[in-house]
């Protein structure tokens, strides 16, 4: 990582863009599966796609420990410089975790699942996926969805869906997800049920 990469520019308009990303992130979690488009960054960030980097610039600060999967670790110096955050080695120590694809996501129970008093203290996981578009691949139901929402992300291993389903007995503990692709993001909070079309496997409650 060169010094130039570490201090690469973030948002083109830091105040306005951060406010827009914050609104989009809240909308993504309150309306699961609806794809939001985030403001463009001033330049590419090594290790992170634009949407993942925008979420980090907006929601991560010096009080937010971050875990990075191997392919995302090139962004470590950038995040330290812009966000003042600590990069941690263990997923359970992270408030935010960033992964480039499902193959780089450790088992969900390796992350902080929160507790019954402060379930919001759990890790928020940001996973970069192959695509985000309304399609027939996944069917989402639950709070924030009027009936059901359809979504395509590329392949989500069925075992990861079944693994997150197993966490439902711990509710209100659990993990909230942001799925990102390029400048797009959608939210999958722990209360959203995710079913692969034609499968009984589901993710979360």
Protein backbone atom coordinates (compact mmCIF):
# COMPACT_ATOMS: atom_id res chain seq x y z
CA UNK A 1 0.00 0.00 0.00
CA UNK A 2 1.53 3.29 -1.05
CA UNK A 3 1.00 6.58 0.74
CA UNK A 4 -0.89 7.78 -2.36
CA UNK A 5 -3.40 4.91 -2.02
CA UNK A 6 -3.75 5.48 1.72
CA UNK A 7 -4.79 9.09 1.24
CA UNK A 8 -6.82 8.55 -1.93
CA UNK A 9 -9.77 10.91 -2.05
CA UNK A 10 -13.09 9.73 -0.67
CA UNK A 11 -16.28 11.57 -1.62
CA UNK A 12 -16.20 14.30 -4.24
CA UNK A 13 -18.53 16.36 -1.99
CA UNK A 14 -17.88 14.94 1.51
CA UNK A 15 -20.72 16.60 3.44
CA UNK A 16 -23.49 16.23 0.89
CA UNK A 17 -22.42 12.76 -0.26
CA UNK A 18 -22.10 11.39 3.29
CA UNK A 19 -25.57 12.69 4.12
CA UNK A 20 -26.95 11.02 1.00
CA UNK A 21 -25.25 7.69 1.79
CA UNK A 22 -26.60 7.81 5.35
CA UNK A 23 -30.14 8.31 4.05
CA UNK A 24 -29.67 5.53 1.48
CA UNK A 25 -28.31 3.14 4.11
CA UNK A 26 -31.30 3.75 6.40
CA UNK A 27 -33.65 3.28 3.44
CA UNK A 28 -31.89 0.04 2.50
CA UNK A 29 -32.41 -1.44 5.96
CA UNK A 30 -35.97 -0.16 6.37
CA UNK A 31 -36.99 -1.45 2.90
CA UNK A 32 -35.09 -4.73 2.56
CA UNK A 33 -34.15 -5.81 -0.93
CA UNK A 34 -34.78 -2.44 -2.59
CA UNK A 35 -31.62 -1.46 -4.40
CA UNK A 36 -30.21 2.01 -3.68
CA UNK A 37 -27.61 3.83 -5.79
CA UNK A 38 -24.97 5.71 -3.79
CA UNK A 39 -23.01 8.83 -4.78
CA UNK A 40 -19.85 8.29 -6.80
CA UNK A 41 -16.45 8.44 -5.13
CA UNK A 42 -13.76 10.82 -6.31
CA UNK A 43 -11.53 7.88 -7.24
CA UNK A 44 -11.30 4.10 -6.91
CA UNK A 45 -10.39 2.68 -3.51
CA UNK A 46 -8.07 -0.35 -3.54
CA UNK A 47 -9.74 -3.34 -1.87
CA UNK A 48 -13.32 -2.02 -1.83
CA UNK A 49 -16.00 -1.50 -4.44
CA UNK A 50 -17.50 2.03 -4.48
CA UNK A 51 -20.63 1.23 -2.46
CA UNK A 52 -18.71 -0.60 0.25
CA UNK A 53 -16.21 2.25 0.49
CA UNK A 54 -19.03 4.82 0.67
CA UNK A 55 -20.68 2.92 3.54
CA UNK A 56 -17.36 2.81 5.38
CA UNK A 57 -16.72 6.53 4.89
CA UNK A 58 -20.19 7.33 6.23
CA UNK A 59 -20.78 4.84 9.05
CA UNK A 60 -17.28 4.03 10.35
CA UNK A 61 -15.35 6.26 12.75
CA UNK A 62 -12.66 6.03 15.46
CA UNK A 63 -15.06 4.12 17.74
CA UNK A 64 -15.87 1.51 15.08
CA UNK A 65 -13.50 -1.49 14.91
CA UNK A 66 -13.41 -2.96 11.38
CA UNK A 67 -12.64 -6.47 10.12
CA UNK A 68 -11.55 -6.91 6.51
CA UNK A 69 -11.56 -10.14 4.51
CA UNK A 70 -8.30 -10.95 2.66
CA UNK A 71 -9.34 -9.31 -0.63
CA UNK A 72 -10.44 -6.14 1.21
CA UNK A 73 -7.28 -5.65 3.26
CA UNK A 74 -5.75 -3.34 0.67
CA UNK A 75 -8.22 -0.75 1.99
CA UNK A 76 -6.86 -0.87 5.56
CA UNK A 77 -4.63 2.22 5.36
CA UNK A 78 -7.32 4.18 3.51
CA UNK A 79 -9.86 3.40 6.26
CA UNK A 80 -7.41 4.24 9.03
CA UNK A 81 -6.63 7.58 7.37
CA UNK A 82 -10.19 8.65 6.50
CA UNK A 83 -12.19 7.04 9.32
CA UNK A 84 -9.67 6.82 12.16
CA UNK A 85 -10.83 3.26 12.78
CA UNK A 86 -8.97 0.27 14.20
CA UNK A 87 -8.55 -2.76 11.92
CA UNK A 88 -9.08 -5.91 13.98
CA UNK A 89 -7.94 -9.45 13.28
CA UNK A 90 -10.95 -11.25 14.75
CA UNK A 91 -14.47 -10.91 13.27
CA UNK A 92 -16.05 -11.00 16.74
CA UNK A 93 -14.22 -7.78 17.68
CA UNK A 94 -15.67 -5.83 14.73
CA UNK A 95 -18.58 -3.41 14.61
CA UNK A 96 -18.35 -3.49 10.81
CA UNK A 97 -16.98 -6.28 8.62
CA UNK A 98 -16.26 -6.08 4.88
CA UNK A 99 -15.94 -9.10 2.60
CA UNK A 100 -15.37 -9.48 -1.12
CA UNK A 101 -17.79 -12.31 -1.86
CA UNK A 102 -19.36 -15.09 0.19
CA UNK A 103 -16.26 -17.27 -0.05
CA UNK A 104 -14.49 -14.74 2.19
CA UNK A 105 -17.21 -14.58 4.87
CA UNK A 106 -16.42 -16.66 7.96
CA UNK A 107 -19.24 -18.56 9.73
CA UNK A 108 -21.81 -16.08 11.03
CA UNK A 109 -21.27 -17.14 14.64
CA UNK A 110 -17.67 -15.88 14.36
CA UNK A 111 -19.07 -12.32 14.39
CA UNK A 112 -20.49 -10.39 17.33
CA UNK A 113 -24.20 -11.26 17.46
CA UNK A 114 -25.04 -8.64 20.10
CA UNK A 115 -26.95 -9.51 23.26
CA UNK A 116 -30.54 -9.34 24.46
CA UNK A 117 -30.00 -5.94 26.11
CA UNK A 118 -28.06 -4.33 23.24
CA UNK A 119 -28.78 -6.33 20.09
CA UNK A 120 -27.64 -3.32 18.04
CA UNK A 121 -24.07 -3.91 19.24
CA UNK A 122 -23.75 -6.79 16.79
CA UNK A 123 -21.45 -6.75 13.78
CA UNK A 124 -22.85 -5.26 10.58
CA UNK A 125 -21.61 -7.27 7.62
CA UNK A 126 -21.00 -5.71 4.18
CA UNK A 127 -20.64 -8.29 1.40
CA UNK A 128 -19.77 -7.49 -2.20
CA UNK A 129 -21.88 -9.59 -4.61
CA UNK A 130 -21.95 -10.26 -8.36
CA UNK A 131 -25.00 -8.11 -9.09
CA UNK A 132 -28.02 -6.43 -7.50
CA UNK A 133 -31.23 -6.30 -9.49
CA UNK A 134 -34.91 -7.11 -9.19
CA UNK A 135 -35.28 -10.67 -10.41
CA UNK A 136 -36.64 -14.11 -9.58
CA UNK A 137 -33.58 -15.55 -7.81
CA UNK A 138 -34.46 -14.65 -4.21
CA UNK A 139 -37.78 -13.92 -2.52
CA UNK A 140 -37.70 -11.65 0.56
CA UNK A 141 -40.44 -11.29 3.15
CA UNK A 142 -40.71 -9.66 6.57
CA UNK A 143 -40.89 -6.21 8.17
CA UNK A 144 -40.52 -3.35 5.69
CA UNK A 145 -41.78 -5.48 2.78
CA UNK A 146 -45.43 -5.10 1.84
CA UNK A 147 -45.83 -8.63 0.48
CA UNK A 148 -42.60 -9.92 -0.96
CA UNK A 149 -39.57 -8.51 -2.71
CA UNK A 150 -37.59 -10.23 -5.43
CA UNK A 151 -33.84 -9.83 -5.77
CA UNK A 152 -30.91 -11.24 -7.73
CA UNK A 153 -27.38 -11.04 -6.29
CA UNK A 154 -25.52 -13.82 -8.03
CA UNK A 155 -25.03 -17.08 -6.21
CA UNK A 156 -25.60 -17.19 -2.45
CA UNK A 157 -24.54 -20.60 -1.16
CA UNK A 158 -27.58 -22.41 0.27
CA UNK A 159 -25.55 -23.36 3.32
CA UNK A 160 -25.02 -19.68 4.16
CA UNK A 161 -28.77 -19.09 4.00
CA UNK A 162 -29.40 -22.12 6.22
CA UNK A 163 -26.65 -20.99 8.59
CA UNK A 164 -28.23 -17.57 9.10
CA UNK A 165 -31.66 -19.15 9.48
CA UNK A 166 -30.28 -21.07 12.44
CA UNK A 167 -29.62 -17.75 14.20
CA UNK A 168 -33.34 -16.98 14.41
CA UNK A 169 -33.67 -18.70 17.77
CA UNK A 170 -31.31 -16.01 19.15
CA UNK A 171 -33.50 -13.05 18.07
CA UNK A 172 -33.20 -10.11 18.82
CA UNK A 173 -29.53 -11.07 18.50
CA UNK A 174 -28.21 -11.56 14.97
CA UNK A 175 -26.45 -9.89 12.05
CA UNK A 176 -27.60 -7.15 9.70
CA UNK A 177 -26.28 -7.31 6.14
CA UNK A 178 -25.55 -4.80 3.41
CA UNK A 179 -25.06 -6.35 -0.03
CA UNK A 180 -23.10 -4.14 -2.43
CA UNK A 181 -22.23 -4.11 -6.11
CA UNK A 182 -20.39 -1.22 -7.76
CA UNK A 183 -22.36 1.86 -6.50
CA UNK A 184 -25.44 -0.14 -5.50
CA UNK A 185 -26.49 -1.38 -2.07
CA UNK A 186 -29.43 -3.21 -0.55
CA UNK A 187 -30.10 -4.17 3.05
CA UNK A 188 -30.95 -7.52 4.59
CA UNK A 189 -31.65 -6.89 8.29
CA UNK A 190 -31.89 -9.82 10.66
CA UNK A 191 -35.70 -9.66 10.51
CA UNK A 192 -35.81 -10.39 6.76
CA UNK A 193 -36.64 -13.87 5.55
CA UNK A 194 -34.74 -14.81 2.39
CA UNK A 195 -35.77 -17.78 0.29
CA UNK A 196 -34.12 -19.12 -2.85
CA UNK A 197 -36.87 -19.50 -5.42
CA UNK A 198 -37.93 -23.12 -5.46
CA UNK A 199 -36.11 -23.89 -2.19
CA UNK A 200 -37.25 -24.18 1.40
CA UNK A 201 -33.97 -22.70 2.66
CA UNK A 202 -34.37 -19.25 4.14
CA UNK A 203 -32.18 -16.59 5.71
CA UNK A 204 -33.13 -15.11 9.08
CA UNK A 205 -36.64 -14.82 10.50
